Amino acid sequence: MLIFKLLLVLALLLLAAYFSVRLVRRGLSRRYEPKHRTPWSALSEGEDPTL
């Protein structure tokens, strides 16, 4: 019974490590990088980009 519990904990730790490595490789930090400047991004600053 103890071996079963240890194997279960080990399997859960391996799953957590696998998913954390996948998230890191995916590049979550790219989501928070600033967007490229375009004339239409001036709309968020209250400017008219058509002028």
PDB file of N, CA and C in Angstrom:
ATOM      1  N   MET A   1       0.825  -1.194   0.000  1.00  0.00           N
ATOM      2  CA  MET A   1       0.000   0.000   0.000  1.00  0.00           C
ATOM      3  C   MET A   1       0.871   1.260   0.000  1.00  0.00           C
ATOM      4  N   LEU A   2       1.967   1.221   0.710  1.00  0.00           N
ATOM      5  CA  LEU A   2       2.869   2.376   0.756  1.00  0.00           C
ATOM      6  C   LEU A   2       3.515   2.612  -0.598  1.00  0.00           C
ATOM      7  N   ILE A   3       3.856   1.525  -1.276  1.00  0.00           N
ATOM      8  CA  ILE A   3       4.477   1.653  -2.603  1.00  0.00           C
ATOM      9  C   ILE A   3       3.496   2.284  -3.582  1.00  0.00           C
ATOM     10  N   PHE A   4       2.223   1.902  -3.492  1.00  0.00           N
ATOM     11  CA  PHE A   4       1.197   2.480  -4.367  1.00  0.00           C
ATOM     12  C   PHE A   4       1.076   3.981  -4.144  1.00  0.00           C
ATOM     13  N   LYS A   5       1.087   4.406  -2.889  1.00  0.00           N
ATOM     14  CA  LYS A   5       0.986   5.834  -2.585  1.00  0.00           C
ATOM     15  C   LYS A   5       2.208   6.594  -3.093  1.00  0.00           C
ATOM     16  N   LEU A   6       3.390   6.007  -2.931  1.00  0.00           N
ATOM     17  CA  LEU A   6       4.608   6.648  -3.422  1.00  0.00           C
ATOM     18  C   LEU A   6       4.603   6.765  -4.939  1.00  0.00           C
ATOM     19  N   LEU A   7       4.135   5.721  -5.616  1.00  0.00           N
ATOM     20  CA  LEU A   7       4.040   5.764  -7.075  1.00  0.00           C
ATOM     21  C   LEU A   7       3.026   6.806  -7.538  1.00  0.00           C
ATOM     22  N   LEU A   8       1.940   6.937  -6.815  1.00  0.00           N
ATOM     23  CA  LEU A   8       0.930   7.939  -7.150  1.00  0.00           C
ATOM     24  C   LEU A   8       1.485   9.350  -6.993  1.00  0.00           C
ATOM     25  N   VAL A   9       2.192   9.597  -5.904  1.00  0.00           N
ATOM     26  CA  VAL A   9       2.794  10.913  -5.687  1.00  0.00           C
ATOM     27  C   VAL A   9       3.857  11.195  -6.741  1.00  0.00           C
ATOM     28  N   LEU A  10       4.652  10.208  -7.066  1.00  0.00           N
ATOM     29  CA  LEU A  10       5.681  10.366  -8.096  1.00  0.00           C
ATOM     30  C   LEU A  10       5.056  10.657  -9.454  1.00  0.00           C
ATOM     31  N   ALA A  11       3.978   9.978  -9.789  1.00  0.00           N
ATOM     32  CA  ALA A  11       3.295  10.206 -11.063  1.00  0.00           C
ATOM     33  C   ALA A  11       2.728  11.622 -11.118  1.00  0.00           C
ATOM     34  N   LEU A  12       2.162  12.092 -10.020  1.00  0.00           N
ATOM     35  CA  LEU A  12       1.622  13.453  -9.990  1.00  0.00           C
ATOM     36  C   LEU A  12       2.730  14.488 -10.127  1.00  0.00           C
ATOM     37  N   LEU A  13       3.864  14.262  -9.500  1.00  0.00           N
ATOM     38  CA  LEU A  13       4.989  15.178  -9.619  1.00  0.00           C
ATOM     39  C   LEU A  13       5.525  15.206 -11.048  1.00  0.00           C
ATOM     40  N   LEU A  14       5.595  14.038 -11.681  1.00  0.00           N
ATOM     41  CA  LEU A  14       6.049  13.987 -13.070  1.00  0.00           C
ATOM     42  C   LEU A  14       5.083  14.705 -14.004  1.00  0.00           C
ATOM     43  N   LEU A  15       3.786  14.556 -13.772  1.00  0.00           N
ATOM     44  CA  LEU A  15       2.802  15.271 -14.582  1.00  0.00           C
ATOM     45  C   LEU A  15       2.927  16.776 -14.401  1.00  0.00           C
ATOM     46  N   ALA A  16       3.109  17.225 -13.173  1.00  0.00           N
ATOM     47  CA  ALA A  16       3.257  18.653 -12.920  1.00  0.00           C
ATOM     48  C   ALA A  16       4.516  19.193 -13.586  1.00  0.00           C
ATOM     49  N   ALA A  17       5.598  18.444 -13.522  1.00  0.00           N
ATOM     50  CA  ALA A  17       6.846  18.878 -14.165  1.00  0.00           C
ATOM     51  C   ALA A  17       6.675  18.925 -15.677  1.00  0.00           C
ATOM     52  N   TYR A  18       6.002  17.946 -16.248  1.00  0.00           N
ATOM     53  CA  TYR A  18       5.780  17.910 -17.688  1.00  0.00           C
ATOM     54  C   TYR A  18       4.988  19.128 -18.164  1.00  0.00           C
ATOM     55  N   PHE A  19       3.899  19.433 -17.456  1.00  0.00           N
ATOM     56  CA  PHE A  19       3.079  20.570 -17.874  1.00  0.00           C
ATOM     57  C   PHE A  19       3.783  21.897 -17.648  1.00  0.00           C
ATOM     58  N   SER A  20       4.590  21.998 -16.596  1.00  0.00           N
ATOM     59  CA  SER A  20       5.313  23.253 -16.387  1.00  0.00           C
ATOM     60  C   SER A  20       6.377  23.460 -17.466  1.00  0.00           C
ATOM     61  N   VAL A  21       7.029  22.394 -17.902  1.00  0.00           N
ATOM     62  CA  VAL A  21       8.013  22.511 -18.993  1.00  0.00           C
ATOM     63  C   VAL A  21       7.317  22.901 -20.286  1.00  0.00           C
ATOM     64  N   ARG A  22       6.150  22.345 -20.546  1.00  0.00           N
ATOM     65  CA  ARG A  22       5.406  22.705 -21.754  1.00  0.00           C
ATOM     66  C   ARG A  22       4.999  24.167 -21.734  1.00  0.00           C
ATOM     67  N   LEU A  23       4.583  24.671 -20.570  1.00  0.00           N
ATOM     68  CA  LEU A  23       4.184  26.074 -20.475  1.00  0.00           C
ATOM     69  C   LEU A  23       5.369  27.001 -20.683  1.00  0.00           C
ATOM     70  N   VAL A  24       6.526  26.624 -20.158  1.00  0.00           N
ATOM     71  CA  VAL A  24       7.707  27.467 -20.313  1.00  0.00           C
ATOM     72  C   VAL A  24       8.147  27.493 -21.773  1.00  0.00           C
ATOM     73  N   ARG A  25       8.131  26.358 -22.433  1.00  0.00           N
ATOM     74  CA  ARG A  25       8.535  26.311 -23.839  1.00  0.00           C
ATOM     75  C   ARG A  25       7.567  27.051 -24.732  1.00  0.00           C
ATOM     76  N   ARG A  26       6.329  27.123 -24.324  1.00  0.00           N
ATOM     77  CA  ARG A  26       5.305  27.779 -25.125  1.00  0.00           C
ATOM     78  C   ARG A  26       5.515  29.283 -25.178  1.00  0.00           C
ATOM     79  N   GLY A  27       6.155  29.835 -24.183  1.00  0.00           N
ATOM     80  CA  GLY A  27       6.463  31.252 -24.182  1.00  0.00           C
ATOM     81  C   GLY A  27       5.316  32.109 -23.693  1.00  0.00           C
ATOM     82  N   LEU A  28       4.914  31.920 -22.470  1.00  0.00           N
ATOM     83  CA  LEU A  28       3.822  32.713 -21.932  1.00  0.00           C
ATOM     84  C   LEU A  28       4.186  34.180 -21.808  1.00  0.00           C
ATOM     85  N   SER A  29       5.471  34.487 -21.708  1.00  0.00           N
ATOM     86  CA  SER A  29       5.861  35.881 -21.547  1.00  0.00           C
ATOM     87  C   SER A  29       5.597  36.686 -22.814  1.00  0.00           C
ATOM     88  N   ARG A  30       5.495  36.016 -23.956  1.00  0.00           N
ATOM     89  CA  ARG A  30       5.212  36.729 -25.204  1.00  0.00           C
ATOM     90  C   ARG A  30       3.849  37.402 -25.167  1.00  0.00           C
ATOM     91  N   ARG A  31       2.953  36.888 -24.385  1.00  0.00           N
ATOM     92  CA  ARG A  31       1.614  37.456 -24.293  1.00  0.00           C
ATOM     93  C   ARG A  31       1.658  38.861 -23.703  1.00  0.00           C
ATOM     94  N   TYR A  32       2.625  39.142 -22.853  1.00  0.00           N
ATOM     95  CA  TYR A  32       2.664  40.407 -22.143  1.00  0.00           C
ATOM     96  C   TYR A  32       3.621  41.422 -22.762  1.00  0.00           C
ATOM     97  N   GLU A  33       4.200  41.090 -23.903  1.00  0.00           N
ATOM     98  CA  GLU A  33       5.066  42.059 -24.572  1.00  0.00           C
ATOM     99  C   GLU A  33       4.196  43.131 -25.209  1.00  0.00           C
ATOM    100  N   PRO A  34       4.718  44.372 -25.314  1.00  0.00           N
ATOM    101  CA  PRO A  34       3.906  45.430 -25.923  1.00  0.00           C
ATOM    102  C   PRO A  34       3.650  45.160 -27.400  1.00  0.00           C
ATOM    103  N   LYS A  35       2.490  45.588 -27.842  1.00  0.00           N
ATOM    104  CA  LYS A  35       2.108  45.392 -29.234  1.00  0.00           C
ATOM    105  C   LYS A  35       2.882  46.354 -30.124  1.00  0.00           C
ATOM    106  N   HIS A  36       2.975  46.013 -31.422  1.00  0.00           N
ATOM    107  CA  HIS A  36       3.655  46.878 -32.374  1.00  0.00           C
ATOM    108  C   HIS A  36       2.858  48.165 -32.570  1.00  0.00           C
ATOM    109  N   ARG A  37       3.581  49.252 -32.774  1.00  0.00           N
ATOM    110  CA  ARG A  37       2.930  50.541 -32.992  1.00  0.00           C
ATOM    111  C   ARG A  37       2.436  50.623 -34.430  1.00  0.00           C
ATOM    112  N   THR A  38       1.165  50.895 -34.576  1.00  0.00           N
ATOM    113  CA  THR A  38       0.565  51.139 -35.882  1.00  0.00           C
ATOM    114  C   THR A  38      -0.200  52.449 -35.785  1.00  0.00           C
ATOM    115  N   PRO A  39      -0.569  53.022 -36.908  1.00  0.00           N
ATOM    116  CA  PRO A  39      -1.374  54.252 -36.832  1.00  0.00           C
ATOM    117  C   PRO A  39      -2.678  54.052 -36.070  1.00  0.00           C
ATOM    118  N   TRP A  40      -3.222  52.860 -36.121  1.00  0.00           N
ATOM    119  CA  TRP A  40      -4.506  52.615 -35.460  1.00  0.00           C
ATOM    120  C   TRP A  40      -4.356  52.401 -33.959  1.00  0.00           C
ATOM    121  N   SER A  41      -3.149  52.184 -33.478  1.00  0.00           N
ATOM    122  CA  SER A  41      -2.986  52.069 -32.026  1.00  0.00           C
ATOM    123  C   SER A  41      -3.090  53.434 -31.358  1.00  0.00           C
ATOM    124  N   ALA A  42      -3.061  54.513 -32.158  1.00  0.00           N
ATOM    125  CA  ALA A  42      -3.239  55.851 -31.603  1.00  0.00           C
ATOM    126  C   ALA A  42      -4.661  56.064 -31.119  1.00  0.00           C
ATOM    127  N   LEU A  43      -5.598  55.238 -31.551  1.00  0.00           N
ATOM    128  CA  LEU A  43      -6.981  55.367 -31.101  1.00  0.00           C
ATOM    129  C   LEU A  43      -7.089  55.218 -29.592  1.00  0.00           C
ATOM    130  N   SER A  44      -6.272  54.364 -29.006  1.00  0.00           N
ATOM    131  CA  SER A  44      -6.325  54.176 -27.561  1.00  0.00           C
ATOM    132  C   SER A  44      -5.797  55.383 -26.817  1.00  0.00           C
ATOM    133  N   GLU A  45      -5.064  56.262 -27.509  1.00  0.00           N
ATOM    134  CA  GLU A  45      -4.555  57.494 -26.897  1.00  0.00           C
ATOM    135  C   GLU A  45      -5.437  58.696 -27.233  1.00  0.00           C
ATOM    136  N   GLY A  46      -6.562  58.474 -27.909  1.00  0.00           N
ATOM    137  CA  GLY A  46      -7.494  59.541 -28.210  1.00  0.00           C
ATOM    138  C   GLY A  46      -7.137  60.363 -29.435  1.00  0.00           C
ATOM    139  N   GLU A  47      -6.263  59.862 -30.300  1.00  0.00           N
ATOM    140  CA  GLU A  47      -5.862  60.598 -31.505  1.00  0.00           C
ATOM    141  C   GLU A  47      -6.567  59.985 -32.724  1.00  0.00           C
ATOM    142  N   ASP A  48      -6.799  60.798 -33.721  1.00  0.00           N
ATOM    143  CA  ASP A  48      -7.418  60.345 -34.960  1.00  0.00           C
ATOM    144  C   ASP A  48      -6.328  59.907 -35.928  1.00  0.00           C
ATOM    145  N   PRO A  49      -6.226  58.620 -36.277  1.00  0.00           N
ATOM    146  CA  PRO A  49      -5.144  58.151 -37.149  1.00  0.00           C
ATOM    147  C   PRO A  49      -5.339  58.512 -38.627  1.00  0.00           C
ATOM    148  N   THR A  50      -6.517  59.018 -38.992  1.00  0.00           N
ATOM    149  CA  THR A  50      -6.783  59.318 -40.395  1.00  0.00           C
ATOM    150  C   THR A  50      -6.271  60.695 -40.792  1.00  0.00           C
ATOM    151  N   LEU A  51      -5.852  61.493 -39.834  1.00  0.00           N
ATOM    152  CA  LEU A  51      -5.377  62.865 -40.160  1.00  0.00           C
ATOM    153  C   LEU A  51      -3.955  62.859 -40.634  1.00  0.00           C
TER     154      LEU A  51
END
